Amino acid sequence: MPIFAQDVTTITANSDDISDNLDLEAVASIFGDSKDLEDFEKRLNDPKTQISNLDLNNDGEVDYLRVMETSEKNVHSISIQAVIGKDQYQEVAVIDVQKDSKGTTQVQVVGNVDMYGPNYYITPYYPVVPVFFTLFWVAAYRPWYSPWYWGYHPPYFRPWAPISPYRYRTNVHVHVNINNTYNRNNVRINNRTNINTRDNAYFKNNPDKSFNKRNPGVSNRSELSKDRKSRPANRGVNTDKGYKSSGRPVQKPNNKPGARPGSKPGNKPSARPGSKPSTRPSYTRPNTKPSAKPSTRPNNRPSNTRPSSRPSNSRPSSRPSNSRPSARPSSSRKPASRSSHMRTRH
């Protein structure tokens, strides 16, 4: 029987990071598929797709993400904020939608500095420009402000328990539109937008959990991802405790004598001299039954079967001897002539 280690998982900041729980490429993907900002907020919090895996307040449920919009001349900034308590919000990313001098709409997703590090930007390119982008430049357009807050959520939202970052990274890629292009760069298209310091409740209360504290010597999320790829998969995870980088328990090696290389742990060593065999002898029960049934029935039936001909007491084919003769009896013959009797007398 396999033996598993009983120690708990030991994970450092280099293996799992807070930024692993919200993929900004997935955010940029569903932003391009949305009908408007209200629909975008619904997609962010859809329990079926589970785009977010953030649980910043550690209450065992994924935080609701609200969407707040501000506009300044030809730039619309859409702030994505995690609701972590009463009147407490943590901005995790900003989406800038800007119209350049040529009338072309540009989109850029900006990660929060404390969460993703400085200068972490994703610029998506959509083959088909989303229809609702044109609404931003209508004179009568009104910015979107989410009406939801702590303890007051839309009816479609059903909080779910967060999963491991490893599983989240695997599952969220299904919801990334591969027809789009996602470029990572260090240049922000909107330099006039000020950094939001008001809705920064989580990192204000936990300054030791900012990106530079979690990952010293790493510039931002992009460098962290490259550093992970260049190192072994189990970086930052204490595999001596019996866990892989995925968080699954690993089996202890079988160092008992007689064990074959690569065999399952817990196998018994080879039998000692004079010990009983580990398996039963190859004796098999004798097969008394015929190996196979006869392919055909016997040609002759057994003796107790009905005879092919009728028995002797059956009606004879010809009449018996006492049957009526075909000719008349001898008494019917004529008597001898008188002359013959007379000849005998003398």
Protein backbone atom coordinates (compact mmCIF):
# COMPACT_ATOMS: atom_id res chain seq x y z
CA MET A 1 0.00 0.00 0.00
CA PRO A 2 1.45 3.42 -0.97
CA ILE A 3 2.75 5.59 1.87
CA PHE A 4 2.16 9.34 1.62
CA ALA A 5 3.83 12.08 3.56
CA GLN A 6 1.72 13.72 6.25
CA ASP A 7 3.40 17.13 6.39
CA VAL A 8 1.62 20.23 5.17
CA THR A 9 2.55 22.04 1.96
CA THR A 10 5.30 24.59 2.32
CA ILE A 11 5.03 27.29 -0.35
CA THR A 12 7.17 30.37 -0.63
CA ALA A 13 6.41 33.61 -2.42
CA ASN A 14 8.38 32.42 -5.42
CA SER A 15 6.09 29.46 -6.13
CA ASP A 16 2.60 30.90 -5.65
CA ASP A 17 1.95 34.62 -5.84
CA ILE A 18 -1.17 36.73 -5.25
CA SER A 19 -1.01 37.80 -8.88
CA ASP A 20 -1.54 34.14 -9.91
CA ASN A 21 -5.19 34.43 -8.90
CA LEU A 22 -6.30 36.90 -11.58
CA ASP A 23 -5.08 36.39 -15.14
CA LEU A 24 -5.12 39.76 -16.89
CA GLU A 25 -5.10 38.13 -20.32
CA ALA A 26 -8.39 36.46 -19.43
CA VAL A 27 -9.67 39.85 -18.22
CA ALA A 28 -8.69 41.46 -21.53
CA SER A 29 -10.32 38.59 -23.43
CA ILE A 30 -13.75 38.84 -21.80
CA PHE A 31 -13.57 42.64 -22.01
CA GLY A 32 -13.49 42.38 -25.80
CA ASP A 33 -16.41 39.90 -25.78
CA SER A 34 -18.69 42.03 -23.59
CA LYS A 35 -21.67 44.06 -24.78
CA ASP A 36 -21.04 46.90 -22.33
CA LEU A 37 -19.43 47.51 -18.94
CA GLU A 38 -22.38 46.06 -17.04
CA ASP A 39 -22.02 42.84 -19.00
CA PHE A 40 -18.25 42.96 -18.41
CA GLU A 41 -18.77 43.08 -14.63
CA LYS A 42 -21.14 40.12 -14.89
CA ARG A 43 -18.55 38.09 -16.81
CA LEU A 44 -15.91 38.88 -14.19
CA ASN A 45 -18.10 37.38 -11.46
CA ASP A 46 -19.72 34.52 -13.35
CA PRO A 47 -19.59 31.38 -11.13
CA LYS A 48 -19.52 29.17 -14.26
CA THR A 49 -16.35 30.59 -15.81
CA GLN A 50 -14.62 31.66 -12.55
CA ILE A 51 -12.34 34.22 -14.16
CA SER A 52 -11.17 35.39 -10.72
CA ASN A 53 -9.65 33.34 -7.92
CA LEU A 54 -8.95 36.24 -5.54
CA ASP A 55 -9.73 35.91 -1.85
CA LEU A 56 -7.89 38.88 -0.35
CA ASN A 57 -9.88 38.99 2.89
CA ASN A 58 -9.33 35.24 3.49
CA ASP A 59 -12.98 34.47 4.24
CA GLY A 60 -12.97 31.28 2.14
CA GLU A 61 -14.94 32.85 -0.73
CA VAL A 62 -13.78 34.55 -3.92
CA ASP A 63 -14.12 38.33 -3.68
CA TYR A 64 -16.71 40.14 -5.77
CA LEU A 65 -15.13 42.40 -8.43
CA ARG A 66 -16.91 45.65 -9.12
CA VAL A 67 -16.31 47.92 -12.14
CA MET A 68 -16.02 51.70 -11.80
CA GLU A 69 -15.44 54.03 -14.75
CA THR A 70 -13.96 57.50 -15.02
CA SER A 71 -13.38 59.56 -18.15
CA GLU A 72 -10.99 62.35 -19.05
CA LYS A 73 -11.18 63.88 -22.52
CA ASN A 74 -10.45 61.04 -24.94
CA VAL A 75 -9.54 58.45 -22.28
CA HIS A 76 -11.88 56.14 -20.36
CA SER A 77 -10.39 54.32 -17.39
CA ILE A 78 -12.24 51.25 -16.09
CA SER A 79 -11.16 50.30 -12.57
CA ILE A 80 -11.59 46.67 -11.39
CA GLN A 81 -11.89 46.57 -7.60
CA ALA A 82 -12.19 43.65 -5.18
CA VAL A 83 -14.84 44.15 -2.47
CA ILE A 84 -13.06 42.93 0.68
CA GLY A 85 -15.14 44.50 3.46
CA LYS A 86 -17.57 47.20 4.38
CA ASP A 87 -16.43 50.32 2.52
CA GLN A 88 -13.15 48.54 1.75
CA TYR A 89 -12.03 48.05 -1.83
CA GLN A 90 -8.80 46.96 -3.45
CA GLU A 91 -8.10 47.98 -7.01
CA VAL A 92 -6.46 45.09 -8.85
CA ALA A 93 -6.30 46.41 -12.43
CA VAL A 94 -7.30 49.30 -14.69
CA ILE A 95 -8.36 49.12 -18.34
CA ASP A 96 -7.55 52.22 -20.36
CA VAL A 97 -9.57 52.85 -23.53
CA GLN A 98 -8.08 55.71 -25.54
CA LYS A 99 -8.87 57.22 -28.92
CA ASP A 100 -5.83 58.54 -30.76
CA SER A 101 -5.60 61.38 -33.26
CA LYS A 102 -6.41 59.01 -36.14
CA GLY A 103 -9.66 57.93 -34.52
CA THR A 104 -8.32 54.47 -33.62
CA THR A 105 -9.34 53.00 -30.27
CA GLN A 106 -6.52 51.52 -28.20
CA VAL A 107 -6.97 49.29 -25.16
CA GLN A 108 -4.45 48.51 -22.43
CA VAL A 109 -4.84 46.51 -19.19
CA VAL A 110 -2.70 47.90 -16.36
CA GLY A 111 -1.93 45.71 -13.38
CA ASN A 112 -1.91 47.19 -9.89
CA VAL A 113 1.64 48.06 -8.80
CA ASP A 114 1.44 46.31 -5.44
CA MET A 115 -0.14 43.23 -6.98
CA TYR A 116 1.68 42.81 -10.31
CA GLY A 117 4.70 45.05 -9.86
CA PRO A 118 5.43 48.31 -11.67
CA ASN A 119 5.02 48.66 -15.43
CA TYR A 120 3.03 45.48 -16.00
CA TYR A 121 0.87 46.26 -19.03
CA ILE A 122 -1.04 44.03 -21.46
CA THR A 123 -2.14 45.51 -24.78
CA PRO A 124 -4.77 43.34 -26.52
CA TYR A 125 -5.50 43.51 -30.23
CA TYR A 126 -8.96 42.39 -31.29
CA PRO A 127 -9.44 41.23 -34.90
CA VAL A 128 -12.97 42.64 -34.74
CA VAL A 129 -13.38 45.87 -32.79
CA PRO A 130 -16.01 45.38 -30.07
CA VAL A 131 -19.22 47.23 -30.85
CA PHE A 132 -19.57 48.90 -27.47
CA PHE A 133 -16.26 50.74 -27.97
CA THR A 134 -18.09 53.23 -30.15
CA LEU A 135 -20.35 54.11 -27.21
CA PHE A 136 -17.43 55.66 -25.35
CA TRP A 137 -17.27 58.53 -27.83
CA VAL A 138 -20.96 59.35 -27.92
CA ALA A 139 -21.68 62.77 -26.44
CA ALA A 140 -24.58 61.48 -24.33
CA TYR A 141 -22.57 58.58 -22.91
CA ARG A 142 -22.74 58.18 -19.14
CA PRO A 143 -19.91 56.38 -17.28
CA TRP A 144 -20.70 53.11 -15.51
CA TYR A 145 -20.65 52.92 -11.73
CA SER A 146 -21.29 49.53 -10.17
CA PRO A 147 -24.27 49.61 -7.77
CA TRP A 148 -23.00 46.59 -5.81
CA TYR A 149 -21.03 46.65 -2.57
CA TRP A 150 -20.23 44.59 0.54
CA GLY A 151 -23.20 42.39 1.49
CA TYR A 152 -25.21 43.52 -1.54
CA HIS A 153 -24.49 41.46 -4.66
CA PRO A 154 -26.42 40.75 -7.88
CA PRO A 155 -28.64 37.65 -7.84
CA TYR A 156 -26.48 35.76 -10.35
CA PHE A 157 -23.43 35.92 -8.07
CA ARG A 158 -22.88 32.79 -6.01
CA PRO A 159 -19.55 32.99 -4.15
CA TRP A 160 -17.36 29.94 -4.68
CA ALA A 161 -14.39 28.63 -2.77
CA PRO A 162 -11.00 29.53 -4.28
CA ILE A 163 -8.88 26.74 -5.73
CA SER A 164 -5.12 26.33 -5.81
CA PRO A 165 -3.29 28.79 -8.10
CA TYR A 166 -1.92 25.82 -10.05
CA ARG A 167 -5.43 24.60 -10.91
CA TYR A 168 -6.63 28.13 -11.58
CA ARG A 169 -3.86 28.81 -14.10
CA THR A 170 -4.76 25.59 -15.89
CA ASN A 171 -8.51 26.18 -16.00
CA VAL A 172 -8.61 29.89 -16.81
CA HIS A 173 -6.71 29.46 -20.08
CA VAL A 174 -9.83 27.85 -21.53
CA HIS A 175 -11.59 31.22 -21.38
CA VAL A 176 -8.86 33.17 -23.17
CA ASN A 177 -9.83 33.96 -26.76
CA ILE A 178 -6.92 32.67 -28.84
CA ASN A 179 -8.01 34.79 -31.82
CA ASN A 180 -6.82 37.89 -29.99
CA THR A 181 -3.22 39.01 -29.54
CA TYR A 182 -1.90 39.96 -26.10
CA ASN A 183 1.33 41.96 -26.01
CA ARG A 184 3.22 42.73 -22.81
CA ASN A 185 5.18 45.96 -22.72
CA ASN A 186 6.53 48.56 -20.32
CA VAL A 187 5.01 51.65 -21.93
CA ARG A 188 1.64 52.95 -20.84
CA ILE A 189 -0.51 54.54 -23.51
CA ASN A 190 -2.22 56.81 -20.99
CA ASN A 191 0.23 58.88 -19.00
CA ARG A 192 -2.32 61.34 -17.62
CA THR A 193 -4.19 58.87 -15.41
CA ASN A 194 -3.20 59.17 -11.77
CA ILE A 195 -2.58 56.09 -9.66
CA ASN A 196 -5.55 55.23 -7.46
CA THR A 197 -4.47 55.35 -3.82
CA ARG A 198 -7.94 55.60 -2.29
CA ASP A 199 -9.14 52.09 -3.16
CA ASN A 200 -6.02 50.33 -1.93
CA ALA A 201 -7.32 48.92 1.37
CA TYR A 202 -5.65 45.51 1.24
CA PHE A 203 -2.07 46.62 0.63
CA LYS A 204 -2.51 49.61 2.90
CA ASN A 205 -3.32 47.23 5.75
CA ASN A 206 -0.70 44.68 4.61
CA PRO A 207 2.33 46.63 3.36
CA ASP A 208 4.56 43.57 3.73
CA LYS A 209 2.56 41.83 0.98
CA SER A 210 3.34 44.27 -1.80
CA PHE A 211 5.00 42.85 -4.90
CA ASN A 212 8.55 43.99 -4.09
CA LYS A 213 8.22 42.50 -0.60
CA ARG A 214 6.89 39.20 -1.91
CA ASN A 215 9.41 38.94 -4.72
CA PRO A 216 12.60 40.83 -3.86
CA GLY A 217 14.85 41.45 -6.84
CA VAL A 218 12.05 40.83 -9.40
CA SER A 219 10.80 43.84 -11.34
CA ASN A 220 7.21 42.78 -12.15
CA ARG A 221 4.94 39.92 -13.07
CA SER A 222 6.50 39.45 -16.52
CA GLU A 223 9.95 38.86 -15.08
CA LEU A 224 8.47 36.55 -12.45
CA SER A 225 6.91 34.39 -15.18
CA LYS A 226 10.18 34.23 -17.13
CA ASP A 227 12.10 33.34 -13.99
CA ARG A 228 9.73 30.46 -13.30
CA LYS A 229 10.16 29.02 -16.77
CA SER A 230 13.95 29.13 -16.52
CA ARG A 231 13.98 27.23 -13.23
CA PRO A 232 12.73 23.78 -12.27
CA ALA A 233 9.00 23.32 -11.88
CA ASN A 234 9.31 22.69 -8.15
CA ARG A 235 10.93 26.05 -7.39
CA GLY A 236 9.71 27.46 -4.11
CA VAL A 237 8.01 24.26 -2.99
CA ASN A 238 9.51 22.10 -0.29
CA THR A 239 9.40 18.72 -2.02
CA ASP A 240 11.31 17.18 0.87
CA LYS A 241 8.06 17.45 2.78
CA GLY A 242 6.48 15.14 0.25
CA TYR A 243 4.76 17.56 -2.16
CA LYS A 244 5.27 18.44 -5.80
CA SER A 245 4.93 21.94 -7.23
CA SER A 246 1.29 21.16 -8.04
CA GLY A 247 0.55 20.60 -4.36
CA ARG A 248 -0.05 16.87 -4.81
CA PRO A 249 1.62 14.43 -2.41
CA VAL A 250 4.49 12.39 -3.73
CA GLN A 251 5.29 8.85 -2.74
CA LYS A 252 8.29 8.08 -0.61
CA PRO A 253 10.98 6.05 -2.35
CA ASN A 254 11.11 2.38 -1.49
CA ASN A 255 14.56 1.79 -0.06
CA LYS A 256 13.86 -1.65 1.36
CA PRO A 257 16.15 -4.46 0.17
CA GLY A 258 14.94 -6.45 -2.76
CA ALA A 259 12.78 -3.69 -4.20
CA ARG A 260 13.03 -3.11 -7.91
CA PRO A 261 13.85 0.36 -9.24
CA GLY A 262 10.70 2.38 -9.79
CA SER A 263 8.53 -0.04 -7.85
CA LYS A 264 5.66 1.22 -5.73
CA PRO A 265 6.49 2.05 -2.12
CA GLY A 266 5.47 -0.41 0.49
CA ASN A 267 6.26 -3.54 -1.53
CA LYS A 268 7.48 -6.46 0.53
CA PRO A 269 11.12 -7.42 0.06
CA SER A 270 12.10 -10.63 -1.62
CA ALA A 271 11.23 -13.79 0.32
CA ARG A 272 13.78 -15.13 2.78
CA PRO A 273 15.16 -18.63 2.46
CA GLY A 274 12.82 -21.18 3.92
CA SER A 275 9.89 -18.79 4.08
CA LYS A 276 6.57 -19.63 2.59
CA PRO A 277 6.09 -18.62 -1.01
CA SER A 278 4.34 -15.30 -1.45
CA THR A 279 2.05 -16.80 -4.06
CA ARG A 280 0.17 -20.08 -4.26
CA PRO A 281 1.59 -22.99 -6.33
CA SER A 282 0.54 -23.31 -9.89
CA TYR A 283 -1.57 -26.41 -9.11
CA THR A 284 -4.86 -26.29 -10.90
CA ARG A 285 -7.93 -28.40 -10.39
CA PRO A 286 -8.09 -31.37 -12.77
CA ASN A 287 -10.50 -30.89 -15.54
CA THR A 288 -12.92 -33.83 -15.38
CA LYS A 289 -15.28 -32.41 -17.88
CA PRO A 290 -14.75 -33.13 -21.54
CA SER A 291 -12.68 -30.54 -23.23
CA ALA A 292 -15.40 -29.76 -25.67
CA LYS A 293 -18.89 -30.89 -26.47
CA PRO A 294 -19.33 -33.21 -29.45
CA SER A 295 -19.85 -31.23 -32.53
CA THR A 296 -22.69 -33.47 -33.77
CA ARG A 297 -25.23 -35.85 -32.27
CA PRO A 298 -24.56 -39.64 -32.38
CA ASN A 299 -25.59 -41.32 -35.59
CA ASN A 300 -27.54 -44.16 -33.90
CA ARG A 301 -30.17 -43.62 -31.33
CA PRO A 302 -29.98 -45.59 -28.07
CA SER A 303 -31.67 -49.02 -27.77
CA ASN A 304 -34.62 -47.73 -25.78
CA THR A 305 -35.77 -45.56 -28.60
CA ARG A 306 -38.77 -46.44 -30.69
CA PRO A 307 -37.97 -49.17 -33.28
CA SER A 308 -37.94 -48.17 -36.85
CA SER A 309 -40.46 -50.98 -37.76
CA ARG A 310 -43.71 -51.98 -36.12
CA PRO A 311 -43.77 -54.92 -33.62
CA SER A 312 -44.67 -58.50 -34.62
CA ASN A 313 -48.18 -58.31 -33.13
CA SER A 314 -49.13 -55.73 -35.61
CA ARG A 315 -51.60 -56.55 -38.34
CA PRO A 316 -50.00 -58.88 -40.91
CA SER A 317 -49.65 -57.74 -44.39
CA SER A 318 -51.68 -60.82 -45.61
CA ARG A 319 -54.74 -62.55 -44.19
CA PRO A 320 -54.28 -65.64 -41.90
CA SER A 321 -54.74 -69.23 -43.07
CA ASN A 322 -58.26 -69.60 -41.54
CA SER A 323 -59.53 -66.94 -43.74
CA ARG A 324 -62.23 -67.73 -46.23
CA PRO A 325 -60.86 -69.71 -49.16
CA SER A 326 -61.06 -68.24 -52.50
CA ALA A 327 -62.78 -71.46 -53.96
CA ARG A 328 -65.71 -73.48 -52.75
CA PRO A 329 -65.17 -76.53 -50.40
CA SER A 330 -64.70 -80.09 -51.72
CA SER A 331 -68.20 -81.12 -50.50
CA SER A 332 -69.60 -79.19 -53.30
CA ARG A 333 -68.23 -81.58 -55.77
CA LYS A 334 -70.69 -83.93 -57.60
CA PRO A 335 -71.00 -87.58 -56.28
CA ALA A 336 -69.44 -90.34 -58.21
CA SER A 337 -71.55 -91.93 -60.88
CA ARG A 338 -73.68 -94.97 -60.07
CA SER A 339 -71.87 -97.04 -62.58
CA SER A 340 -68.73 -96.94 -60.57
CA HIS A 341 -70.45 -98.48 -57.48
CA MET A 342 -72.03 -101.16 -59.47
CA ARG A 343 -68.73 -102.25 -60.76
CA THR A 344 -67.52 -103.09 -57.31
CA ARG A 345 -70.29 -105.54 -56.61
CA HIS A 346 -69.99 -109.07 -57.83
